[in-house]
Amino acid sequence: MITTKPVLTSQDFAADVRGVASLRQTIKSSPKAAAHAVAQQFESLLMQQLVKSMRDASPRYDELQSSATDLYRGLYDQQMSLVLAKRGGVGLTGAIERQIEVMQNPALLKTVQRHRSLQQTEVAPVSGGSAAANSAALAAGRAGTTDNAPAAGGGFVDQVLTAAKSVAPTLGVAPHLLLAHAALETGWGKKPIRDAAGGDSHNLFGIKASRDWQGKTVDVMTTEYVDGVAQKRVETFRAYGSYTEALADYAGLIRRRFGDAIGKGDDATGFARALQAKGYATDPAYVDKFASVARKIGRQLGSS
């Protein structure tokens, strides 16, 4: 005896209201699995609007038209749009699904602002204070001043110290300058850039994933202000397996883009000015904030 499995379900029929109930149940039981189905429904709606516009633009012959014709043609267009969306559509399902997955993770929903951008930049510019930067990590870590530093012996410095000590000599600077930079960018490690599963990307400096980047990446929802208008977009940042790997990549960026910062020793002011001069930071008070954080960490390391 040959048994056949139904090819179509209630969600495959545009006019079947049970499809909505089924989709709602799927969302409750498995939000991640439902993202694809929801994305298909959205693409179907968009395609319905496209088909409707095409119908409206086509010549109408009143002697061949009736309300019944319009009704059945509308149902046909709805079903056709749904079937096309489920068979690949015009490629919107994948993009919508990724957007839904990002929005399902609150850790990726970080609102940021940018008053000026770098052409073909690798790193999100810092603006500080109330005007946040392009990177979600930078924005969250800058909701205030350097007074947000943890008490002496804070865990963030301990976590990054070994990596900073290994990389600092290659740049000719003191380790506490790299720690200060990382602390300022991440709000003392309290607001790291995380992946969709909530894992730490170890990206301490908001370095974006350029086209030639071959490593792992993390997508972060950001809000940028262009001519005073808020625009949401997903930015792609680099992800690392450890802080040591992140600091090594950061050192390469400094050598490529911010050469004047090399060899500054323990001169926090000079290091910060070199970064700001090449467009890394847009906040007028950035140098002072950087120097303040560096002094705090320097004292902490000196007393430990």
C-alpha atoms as a PDB file:
ATOM      1  CA  MET A   1       0.000   0.000   0.000  1.00  0.00           C
ATOM      2  CA  ILE A   2       1.398   3.339  -1.043  1.00  0.00           C
ATOM      3  CA  THR A   3       0.840   6.279   1.266  1.00  0.00           C
ATOM      4  CA  THR A   4       1.256   9.822   0.156  1.00  0.00           C
ATOM      5  CA  LYS A   5       2.241  12.791   2.259  1.00  0.00           C
ATOM      6  CA  PRO A   6       0.250  15.994   1.718  1.00  0.00           C
ATOM      7  CA  VAL A   7       2.302  18.423  -0.295  1.00  0.00           C
ATOM      8  CA  LEU A   8       0.340  21.463   0.803  1.00  0.00           C
ATOM      9  CA  THR A   9      -0.655  22.632   4.268  1.00  0.00           C
ATOM     10  CA  SER A  10      -3.079  25.274   5.481  1.00  0.00           C
ATOM     11  CA  GLN A  11      -0.252  27.802   5.329  1.00  0.00           C
ATOM     12  CA  ASP A  12       0.044  27.133   1.596  1.00  0.00           C
ATOM     13  CA  PHE A  13      -3.425  28.510   0.843  1.00  0.00           C
ATOM     14  CA  ALA A  14      -3.771  32.280   0.945  1.00  0.00           C
ATOM     15  CA  ALA A  15      -7.511  32.140   1.686  1.00  0.00           C
ATOM     16  CA  ASP A  16      -7.278  29.586   4.513  1.00  0.00           C
ATOM     17  CA  VAL A  17      -7.478  31.407   7.851  1.00  0.00           C
ATOM     18  CA  ARG A  18      -6.152  28.303   9.605  1.00  0.00           C
ATOM     19  CA  GLY A  19      -2.765  29.132   8.139  1.00  0.00           C
ATOM     20  CA  VAL A  20      -2.567  32.230  10.317  1.00  0.00           C
ATOM     21  CA  ALA A  21      -3.392  30.234  13.448  1.00  0.00           C
ATOM     22  CA  SER A  22      -0.832  27.596  12.525  1.00  0.00           C
ATOM     23  CA  LEU A  23       1.831  30.225  11.941  1.00  0.00           C
ATOM     24  CA  ARG A  24       1.004  31.902  15.245  1.00  0.00           C
ATOM     25  CA  GLN A  25       1.454  28.597  17.057  1.00  0.00           C
ATOM     26  CA  THR A  26       4.788  28.012  15.343  1.00  0.00           C
ATOM     27  CA  ILE A  27       5.992  31.440  16.433  1.00  0.00           C
ATOM     28  CA  LYS A  28       5.130  30.648  20.058  1.00  0.00           C
ATOM     29  CA  SER A  29       6.763  27.220  20.072  1.00  0.00           C
ATOM     30  CA  SER A  30       9.836  27.961  17.963  1.00  0.00           C
ATOM     31  CA  PRO A  31      10.456  31.639  17.085  1.00  0.00           C
ATOM     32  CA  LYS A  32      13.652  30.905  15.201  1.00  0.00           C
ATOM     33  CA  ALA A  33      12.040  28.211  13.049  1.00  0.00           C
ATOM     34  CA  ALA A  34       9.108  30.518  12.331  1.00  0.00           C
ATOM     35  CA  ALA A  35      11.341  33.286  11.003  1.00  0.00           C
ATOM     36  CA  HIS A  36      11.518  31.689   7.550  1.00  0.00           C
ATOM     37  CA  ALA A  37       7.744  31.227   7.297  1.00  0.00           C
ATOM     38  CA  VAL A  38       7.096  34.793   8.417  1.00  0.00           C
ATOM     39  CA  ALA A  39       9.644  36.093   5.914  1.00  0.00           C
ATOM     40  CA  GLN A  40       7.864  34.196   3.127  1.00  0.00           C
ATOM     41  CA  GLN A  41       4.544  35.725   4.133  1.00  0.00           C
ATOM     42  CA  PHE A  42       6.058  39.209   4.014  1.00  0.00           C
ATOM     43  CA  GLU A  43       7.512  38.578   0.564  1.00  0.00           C
ATOM     44  CA  SER A  44       4.132  37.244  -0.541  1.00  0.00           C
ATOM     45  CA  LEU A  45       2.441  40.472   0.586  1.00  0.00           C
ATOM     46  CA  LEU A  46       5.001  42.558  -1.264  1.00  0.00           C
ATOM     47  CA  MET A  47       4.519  40.500  -4.412  1.00  0.00           C
ATOM     48  CA  GLN A  48       0.741  40.896  -4.099  1.00  0.00           C
ATOM     49  CA  GLN A  49       1.188  44.657  -4.158  1.00  0.00           C
ATOM     50  CA  LEU A  50       3.439  44.343  -7.189  1.00  0.00           C
ATOM     51  CA  VAL A  51       0.896  42.204  -9.052  1.00  0.00           C
ATOM     52  CA  LYS A  52      -1.938  44.544  -8.061  1.00  0.00           C
ATOM     53  CA  SER A  53      -0.031  47.515  -9.459  1.00  0.00           C
ATOM     54  CA  MET A  54       0.502  45.625 -12.696  1.00  0.00           C
ATOM     55  CA  ARG A  55      -3.201  44.782 -12.894  1.00  0.00           C
ATOM     56  CA  ASP A  56      -4.174  48.400 -12.284  1.00  0.00           C
ATOM     57  CA  ALA A  57      -1.817  49.541 -15.026  1.00  0.00           C
ATOM     58  CA  SER A  58      -3.249  47.084 -17.572  1.00  0.00           C
ATOM     59  CA  PRO A  59      -6.119  48.076 -19.912  1.00  0.00           C
ATOM     60  CA  ARG A  60      -9.593  47.158 -18.632  1.00  0.00           C
ATOM     61  CA  TYR A  61     -12.473  46.111 -20.865  1.00  0.00           C
ATOM     62  CA  ASP A  62     -15.639  46.761 -18.901  1.00  0.00           C
ATOM     63  CA  GLU A  63     -17.723  44.406 -20.999  1.00  0.00           C
ATOM     64  CA  LEU A  64     -15.508  41.552 -19.831  1.00  0.00           C
ATOM     65  CA  GLN A  65     -15.341  42.635 -16.192  1.00  0.00           C
ATOM     66  CA  SER A  66     -17.589  42.009 -13.212  1.00  0.00           C
ATOM     67  CA  SER A  67     -17.314  42.069  -9.437  1.00  0.00           C
ATOM     68  CA  ALA A  68     -17.045  38.280  -9.466  1.00  0.00           C
ATOM     69  CA  THR A  69     -14.175  38.457 -11.956  1.00  0.00           C
ATOM     70  CA  ASP A  70     -12.326  40.935  -9.752  1.00  0.00           C
ATOM     71  CA  LEU A  71     -12.890  38.746  -6.691  1.00  0.00           C
ATOM     72  CA  TYR A  72     -11.582  35.547  -8.249  1.00  0.00           C
ATOM     73  CA  ARG A  73      -8.697  37.305  -9.952  1.00  0.00           C
ATOM     74  CA  GLY A  74      -7.719  38.814  -6.599  1.00  0.00           C
ATOM     75  CA  LEU A  75      -7.800  35.386  -4.945  1.00  0.00           C
ATOM     76  CA  TYR A  76      -5.749  33.976  -7.799  1.00  0.00           C
ATOM     77  CA  ASP A  77      -3.148  36.731  -7.453  1.00  0.00           C
ATOM     78  CA  GLN A  78      -2.913  36.139  -3.696  1.00  0.00           C
ATOM     79  CA  GLN A  79      -2.364  32.431  -4.177  1.00  0.00           C
ATOM     80  CA  MET A  80       0.119  32.962  -6.990  1.00  0.00           C
ATOM     81  CA  SER A  81       2.120  35.417  -4.873  1.00  0.00           C
ATOM     82  CA  LEU A  82       2.235  32.964  -1.965  1.00  0.00           C
ATOM     83  CA  VAL A  83       3.350  30.068  -4.167  1.00  0.00           C
ATOM     84  CA  LEU A  84       6.024  32.179  -5.849  1.00  0.00           C
ATOM     85  CA  ALA A  85       7.338  33.354  -2.476  1.00  0.00           C
ATOM     86  CA  LYS A  86       7.596  29.753  -1.262  1.00  0.00           C
ATOM     87  CA  ARG A  87       9.488  28.787  -4.416  1.00  0.00           C
ATOM     88  CA  GLY A  88      12.161  31.446  -4.016  1.00  0.00           C
ATOM     89  CA  GLY A  89      10.267  34.538  -5.051  1.00  0.00           C
ATOM     90  CA  VAL A  90      12.414  37.527  -5.941  1.00  0.00           C
ATOM     91  CA  GLY A  91      14.997  36.911  -3.230  1.00  0.00           C
ATOM     92  CA  LEU A  92      13.458  38.964  -0.423  1.00  0.00           C
ATOM     93  CA  THR A  93      12.717  36.066   1.925  1.00  0.00           C
ATOM     94  CA  GLY A  94      16.351  35.547   2.878  1.00  0.00           C
ATOM     95  CA  ALA A  95      16.956  39.225   3.580  1.00  0.00           C
ATOM     96  CA  ILE A  96      13.753  39.549   5.630  1.00  0.00           C
ATOM     97  CA  GLU A  97      14.570  36.374   7.565  1.00  0.00           C
ATOM     98  CA  ARG A  98      18.000  37.712   8.541  1.00  0.00           C
ATOM     99  CA  GLN A  99      16.393  40.962   9.666  1.00  0.00           C
ATOM    100  CA  ILE A 100      13.892  39.064  11.832  1.00  0.00           C
ATOM    101  CA  GLU A 101      16.643  36.972  13.421  1.00  0.00           C
ATOM    102  CA  VAL A 102      18.594  40.097  14.302  1.00  0.00           C
ATOM    103  CA  MET A 103      15.518  41.719  15.838  1.00  0.00           C
ATOM    104  CA  GLN A 104      14.759  38.582  17.878  1.00  0.00           C
ATOM    105  CA  ASN A 105      18.009  39.144  19.781  1.00  0.00           C
ATOM    106  CA  PRO A 106      17.667  42.260  21.989  1.00  0.00           C
ATOM    107  CA  ALA A 107      21.435  42.340  22.491  1.00  0.00           C
ATOM    108  CA  LEU A 108      21.805  43.369  18.849  1.00  0.00           C
ATOM    109  CA  LEU A 109      19.283  46.187  19.052  1.00  0.00           C
ATOM    110  CA  LYS A 110      21.557  49.036  20.001  1.00  0.00           C
ATOM    111  CA  THR A 111      20.597  52.550  18.898  1.00  0.00           C
ATOM    112  CA  VAL A 112      23.512  54.608  17.668  1.00  0.00           C
ATOM    113  CA  GLN A 113      24.055  57.943  15.993  1.00  0.00           C
ATOM    114  CA  ARG A 114      26.653  59.207  13.573  1.00  0.00           C
ATOM    115  CA  HIS A 115      27.269  62.830  12.653  1.00  0.00           C
ATOM    116  CA  ARG A 116      30.098  62.104  10.269  1.00  0.00           C
ATOM    117  CA  SER A 117      31.458  58.987   8.594  1.00  0.00           C
ATOM    118  CA  LEU A 118      34.783  57.803   7.240  1.00  0.00           C
ATOM    119  CA  GLN A 119      35.037  56.950   3.560  1.00  0.00           C
ATOM    120  CA  GLN A 120      35.644  53.182   3.146  1.00  0.00           C
ATOM    121  CA  THR A 121      36.263  52.932   6.883  1.00  0.00           C
ATOM    122  CA  GLU A 122      37.299  49.784   8.718  1.00  0.00           C
ATOM    123  CA  VAL A 123      36.369  51.070  12.132  1.00  0.00           C
ATOM    124  CA  ALA A 124      33.274  52.825  13.412  1.00  0.00           C
ATOM    125  CA  PRO A 125      34.050  56.457  14.329  1.00  0.00           C
ATOM    126  CA  VAL A 126      33.753  57.444  17.960  1.00  0.00           C
ATOM    127  CA  SER A 127      31.727  60.478  18.954  1.00  0.00           C
ATOM    128  CA  GLY A 128      31.265  59.975  22.698  1.00  0.00           C
ATOM    129  CA  GLY A 129      28.941  61.411  25.310  1.00  0.00           C
ATOM    130  CA  SER A 130      25.362  61.868  24.190  1.00  0.00           C
ATOM    131  CA  ALA A 131      26.244  61.570  20.504  1.00  0.00           C
ATOM    132  CA  ALA A 132      26.974  57.915  19.988  1.00  0.00           C
ATOM    133  CA  ALA A 133      29.104  56.381  17.282  1.00  0.00           C
ATOM    134  CA  ASN A 134      28.351  54.089  14.399  1.00  0.00           C
ATOM    135  CA  SER A 135      29.268  50.927  16.257  1.00  0.00           C
ATOM    136  CA  ALA A 136      26.702  49.451  18.568  1.00  0.00           C
ATOM    137  CA  ALA A 137      29.398  48.556  21.059  1.00  0.00           C
ATOM    138  CA  LEU A 138      30.813  52.048  21.014  1.00  0.00           C
ATOM    139  CA  ALA A 139      27.416  53.593  21.497  1.00  0.00           C
ATOM    140  CA  ALA A 140      26.478  51.542  24.503  1.00  0.00           C
ATOM    141  CA  GLY A 141      29.805  52.125  26.166  1.00  0.00           C
ATOM    142  CA  ARG A 142      29.609  55.845  25.841  1.00  0.00           C
ATOM    143  CA  ALA A 143      26.347  56.646  27.583  1.00  0.00           C
ATOM    144  CA  GLY A 144      28.036  59.086  29.872  1.00  0.00           C
ATOM    145  CA  THR A 145      31.579  59.829  30.989  1.00  0.00           C
ATOM    146  CA  THR A 146      34.686  58.005  32.126  1.00  0.00           C
ATOM    147  CA  ASP A 147      33.334  58.100  35.667  1.00  0.00           C
ATOM    148  CA  ASN A 148      31.496  54.876  34.810  1.00  0.00           C
ATOM    149  CA  ALA A 149      34.747  52.971  35.407  1.00  0.00           C
ATOM    150  CA  PRO A 150      34.515  49.960  37.678  1.00  0.00           C
ATOM    151  CA  ALA A 151      36.265  49.852  40.998  1.00  0.00           C
ATOM    152  CA  ALA A 152      39.973  49.058  41.100  1.00  0.00           C
ATOM    153  CA  GLY A 153      40.609  45.439  40.132  1.00  0.00           C
ATOM    154  CA  GLY A 154      37.630  45.400  37.755  1.00  0.00           C
ATOM    155  CA  GLY A 155      37.222  42.177  35.808  1.00  0.00           C
ATOM    156  CA  PHE A 156      37.404  43.798  32.372  1.00  0.00           C
ATOM    157  CA  VAL A 157      41.010  44.942  32.790  1.00  0.00           C
ATOM    158  CA  ASP A 158      41.999  41.512  34.110  1.00  0.00           C
ATOM    159  CA  GLN A 159      40.377  39.803  31.108  1.00  0.00           C
ATOM    160  CA  VAL A 160      42.171  41.895  28.491  1.00  0.00           C
ATOM    161  CA  LEU A 161      45.468  42.604  30.272  1.00  0.00           C
ATOM    162  CA  THR A 162      47.380  39.552  29.017  1.00  0.00           C
ATOM    163  CA  ALA A 163      46.426  40.236  25.396  1.00  0.00           C
ATOM    164  CA  ALA A 164      47.293  43.932  25.764  1.00  0.00           C
ATOM    165  CA  LYS A 165      50.721  43.108  27.192  1.00  0.00           C
ATOM    166  CA  SER A 166      51.491  40.802  24.256  1.00  0.00           C
ATOM    167  CA  VAL A 167      50.442  43.302  21.573  1.00  0.00           C
ATOM    168  CA  ALA A 168      51.507  46.650  23.068  1.00  0.00           C
ATOM    169  CA  PRO A 169      55.273  46.182  22.357  1.00  0.00           C
ATOM    170  CA  THR A 170      54.546  45.721  18.640  1.00  0.00           C
ATOM    171  CA  LEU A 171      53.048  49.224  18.590  1.00  0.00           C
ATOM    172  CA  GLY A 172      55.564  50.831  20.893  1.00  0.00           C
ATOM    173  CA  VAL A 173      52.968  51.861  23.468  1.00  0.00           C
ATOM    174  CA  ALA A 174      52.206  50.981  27.068  1.00  0.00           C
ATOM    175  CA  PRO A 175      49.618  48.235  27.635  1.00  0.00           C
ATOM    176  CA  HIS A 176      47.369  50.529  29.651  1.00  0.00           C
ATOM    177  CA  LEU A 177      46.774  52.678  26.532  1.00  0.00           C
ATOM    178  CA  LEU A 178      45.290  49.712  24.684  1.00  0.00           C
ATOM    179  CA  LEU A 179      43.251  48.830  27.751  1.00  0.00           C
ATOM    180  CA  ALA A 180      42.007  52.416  27.956  1.00  0.00           C
ATOM    181  CA  HIS A 181      40.979  52.358  24.313  1.00  0.00           C
ATOM    182  CA  ALA A 182      39.113  49.066  24.756  1.00  0.00           C
ATOM    183  CA  ALA A 183      37.448  50.260  27.964  1.00  0.00           C
ATOM    184  CA  LEU A 184      36.269  53.474  26.340  1.00  0.00           C
ATOM    185  CA  GLU A 185      34.884  51.661  23.300  1.00  0.00           C
ATOM    186  CA  THR A 186      32.991  48.953  25.199  1.00  0.00           C
ATOM    187  CA  GLY A 187      31.892  50.765  28.347  1.00  0.00           C
ATOM    188  CA  TRP A 188      34.411  48.805  30.408  1.00  0.00           C
ATOM    189  CA  GLY A 189      33.299  45.585  28.759  1.00  0.00           C
ATOM    190  CA  LYS A 190      29.685  45.956  29.824  1.00  0.00           C
ATOM    191  CA  LYS A 191      28.332  46.336  26.276  1.00  0.00           C
ATOM    192  CA  PRO A 192      30.247  43.991  23.955  1.00  0.00           C
ATOM    193  CA  ILE A 193      29.240  43.290  20.382  1.00  0.00           C
ATOM    194  CA  ARG A 194      27.456  39.946  20.505  1.00  0.00           C
ATOM    195  CA  ASP A 195      26.393  37.458  17.857  1.00  0.00           C
ATOM    196  CA  ALA A 196      22.834  36.261  17.277  1.00  0.00           C
ATOM    197  CA  ALA A 197      23.249  33.557  19.934  1.00  0.00           C
ATOM    198  CA  GLY A 198      24.461  36.060  22.516  1.00  0.00           C
ATOM    199  CA  GLY A 199      28.111  35.035  22.306  1.00  0.00           C
ATOM    200  CA  ASP A 200      30.879  37.602  22.690  1.00  0.00           C
ATOM    201  CA  SER A 201      32.548  38.567  19.400  1.00  0.00           C
ATOM    202  CA  HIS A 202      35.629  39.828  21.327  1.00  0.00           C
ATOM    203  CA  ASN A 203      35.534  42.877  19.031  1.00  0.00           C
ATOM    204  CA  LEU A 204      36.778  45.526  21.469  1.00  0.00           C
ATOM    205  CA  PHE A 205      37.166  48.367  18.989  1.00  0.00           C
ATOM    206  CA  GLY A 206      34.141  48.237  16.684  1.00  0.00           C
ATOM    207  CA  ILE A 207      36.195  47.098  13.690  1.00  0.00           C
ATOM    208  CA  LYS A 208      33.980  46.453  10.673  1.00  0.00           C
ATOM    209  CA  ALA A 209      34.267  43.476   8.361  1.00  0.00           C
ATOM    210  CA  SER A 210      35.654  44.810   5.088  1.00  0.00           C
ATOM    211  CA  ARG A 211      35.264  42.899   1.825  1.00  0.00           C
ATOM    212  CA  ASP A 212      38.654  41.241   2.173  1.00  0.00           C
ATOM    213  CA  TRP A 213      37.947  39.986   5.701  1.00  0.00           C
ATOM    214  CA  GLN A 214      37.957  36.173   5.717  1.00  0.00           C
ATOM    215  CA  GLY A 215      37.137  35.591   9.380  1.00  0.00           C
ATOM    216  CA  LYS A 216      33.903  35.345  11.330  1.00  0.00           C
ATOM    217  CA  THR A 217      31.448  38.240  11.405  1.00  0.00           C
ATOM    218  CA  VAL A 218      28.623  39.600  13.549  1.00  0.00           C
ATOM    219  CA  ASP A 219      25.611  41.542  12.253  1.00  0.00           C
ATOM    220  CA  VAL A 220      24.436  44.416  14.453  1.00  0.00           C
ATOM    221  CA  MET A 221      21.321  46.537  14.005  1.00  0.00           C
ATOM    222  CA  THR A 222      22.209  50.233  14.088  1.00  0.00           C
ATOM    223  CA  THR A 223      20.385  53.515  13.620  1.00  0.00           C
ATOM    224  CA  GLU A 224      22.222  56.229  11.745  1.00  0.00           C
ATOM    225  CA  TYR A 225      21.128  59.803  11.247  1.00  0.00           C
ATOM    226  CA  VAL A 226      21.552  61.016   7.680  1.00  0.00           C
ATOM    227  CA  ASP A 227      20.523  64.645   7.166  1.00  0.00           C
ATOM    228  CA  GLY A 228      18.586  64.442  10.412  1.00  0.00           C
ATOM    229  CA  VAL A 229      16.602  61.371   9.324  1.00  0.00           C
ATOM    230  CA  ALA A 230      16.961  58.121  11.285  1.00  0.00           C
ATOM    231  CA  GLN A 231      17.847  55.155   9.106  1.00  0.00           C
ATOM    232  CA  LYS A 232      18.096  51.613  10.447  1.00  0.00           C
ATOM    233  CA  ARG A 233      20.638  49.330   8.923  1.00  0.00           C
ATOM    234  CA  VAL A 234      22.547  46.169   9.737  1.00  0.00           C
ATOM    235  CA  GLU A 235      26.300  46.667  10.018  1.00  0.00           C
ATOM    236  CA  THR A 236      28.725  43.757   9.821  1.00  0.00           C
ATOM    237  CA  PHE A 237      31.578  43.650  12.326  1.00  0.00           C
ATOM    238  CA  ARG A 238      34.527  41.319  12.710  1.00  0.00           C
ATOM    239  CA  ALA A 239      34.398  38.516  15.273  1.00  0.00           C
ATOM    240  CA  TYR A 240      37.369  36.893  16.973  1.00  0.00           C
ATOM    241  CA  GLY A 241      38.039  33.752  18.954  1.00  0.00           C
ATOM    242  CA  SER A 242      39.842  35.562  21.762  1.00  0.00           C
ATOM    243  CA  TYR A 243      40.962  38.972  22.982  1.00  0.00           C
ATOM    244  CA  THR A 244      44.505  38.150  21.874  1.00  0.00           C
ATOM    245  CA  GLU A 245      43.276  37.618  18.315  1.00  0.00           C
ATOM    246  CA  ALA A 246      41.253  40.837  18.516  1.00  0.00           C
ATOM    247  CA  LEU A 247      44.200  42.894  19.784  1.00  0.00           C
ATOM    248  CA  ALA A 248      46.476  41.483  17.078  1.00  0.00           C
ATOM    249  CA  ASP A 249      44.011  42.537  14.373  1.00  0.00           C
ATOM    250  CA  TYR A 250      43.636  45.929  16.055  1.00  0.00           C
ATOM    251  CA  ALA A 251      47.418  46.374  15.926  1.00  0.00           C
ATOM    252  CA  GLY A 252      47.319  45.727  12.186  1.00  0.00           C
ATOM    253  CA  LEU A 253      44.649  48.400  11.787  1.00  0.00           C
ATOM    254  CA  ILE A 254      46.730  50.909  13.757  1.00  0.00           C
ATOM    255  CA  ARG A 255      49.744  50.233  11.548  1.00  0.00           C
ATOM    256  CA  ARG A 256      47.716  50.583   8.345  1.00  0.00           C
ATOM    257  CA  ARG A 257      45.575  53.587   9.198  1.00  0.00           C
ATOM    258  CA  PHE A 258      46.897  55.334  12.284  1.00  0.00           C
ATOM    259  CA  GLY A 259      50.668  55.170  11.988  1.00  0.00           C
ATOM    260  CA  ASP A 260      51.185  58.374  13.953  1.00  0.00           C
ATOM    261  CA  ALA A 261      49.888  56.584  17.056  1.00  0.00           C
ATOM    262  CA  ILE A 262      52.781  54.108  16.988  1.00  0.00           C
ATOM    263  CA  GLY A 263      55.653  54.656  19.400  1.00  0.00           C
ATOM    264  CA  LYS A 264      53.800  56.932  21.805  1.00  0.00           C
ATOM    265  CA  GLY A 265      54.961  54.974  24.848  1.00  0.00           C
ATOM    266  CA  ASP A 266      52.774  55.929  27.802  1.00  0.00           C
ATOM    267  CA  ASP A 267      51.652  59.233  26.255  1.00  0.00           C
ATOM    268  CA  ALA A 268      47.881  58.770  26.371  1.00  0.00           C
ATOM    269  CA  THR A 269      47.149  62.266  25.082  1.00  0.00           C
ATOM    270  CA  GLY A 270      49.451  61.873  22.090  1.00  0.00           C
ATOM    271  CA  PHE A 271      48.020  58.444  21.272  1.00  0.00           C
ATOM    272  CA  ALA A 272      44.436  59.710  21.400  1.00  0.00           C
ATOM    273  CA  ARG A 273      45.259  62.785  19.315  1.00  0.00           C
ATOM    274  CA  ALA A 274      46.826  60.602  16.635  1.00  0.00           C
ATOM    275  CA  LEU A 275      43.636  58.536  16.466  1.00  0.00           C
ATOM    276  CA  GLN A 276      41.407  61.591  16.331  1.00  0.00           C
ATOM    277  CA  ALA A 277      43.532  63.315  13.683  1.00  0.00           C
ATOM    278  CA  LYS A 278      42.910  60.442  11.255  1.00  0.00           C
ATOM    279  CA  GLY A 279      39.157  60.435  11.851  1.00  0.00           C
ATOM    280  CA  TYR A 280      38.788  57.657  14.417  1.00  0.00           C
ATOM    281  CA  ALA A 281      36.916  59.941  16.811  1.00  0.00           C
ATOM    282  CA  THR A 282      34.538  62.843  16.205  1.00  0.00           C
ATOM    283  CA  ASP A 283      33.906  63.868  19.810  1.00  0.00           C
ATOM    284  CA  PRO A 284      35.804  67.125  20.598  1.00  0.00           C
ATOM    285  CA  ALA A 285      36.348  65.860  24.157  1.00  0.00           C
ATOM    286  CA  TYR A 286      37.611  62.451  23.053  1.00  0.00           C
ATOM    287  CA  VAL A 287      41.265  63.124  23.888  1.00  0.00           C
ATOM    288  CA  ASP A 288      40.449  64.223  27.433  1.00  0.00           C
ATOM    289  CA  LYS A 289      38.167  61.225  27.978  1.00  0.00           C
ATOM    290  CA  PHE A 290      40.799  58.835  26.679  1.00  0.00           C
ATOM    291  CA  ALA A 291      43.503  60.339  28.891  1.00  0.00           C
ATOM    292  CA  SER A 292      41.222  60.149  31.931  1.00  0.00           C
ATOM    293  CA  VAL A 293      40.505  56.446  31.374  1.00  0.00           C
ATOM    294  CA  ALA A 294      44.204  55.749  30.784  1.00  0.00           C
ATOM    295  CA  ARG A 295      45.121  57.418  34.082  1.00  0.00           C
ATOM    296  CA  LYS A 296      42.545  55.331  35.956  1.00  0.00           C
ATOM    297  CA  ILE A 297      43.850  52.089  34.482  1.00  0.00           C
ATOM    298  CA  GLY A 298      47.465  53.147  34.962  1.00  0.00           C
ATOM    299  CA  ARG A 299      46.853  53.736  38.661  1.00  0.00           C
ATOM    300  CA  GLN A 300      44.981  50.450  38.906  1.00  0.00           C
ATOM    301  CA  LEU A 301      47.845  48.492  37.353  1.00  0.00           C
ATOM    302  CA  GLY A 302      50.396  50.362  39.444  1.00  0.00           C
ATOM    303  CA  SER A 303      48.672  49.395  42.661  1.00  0.00           C
ATOM    304  CA  SER A 304      48.063  45.780  41.723  1.00  0.00           C
END
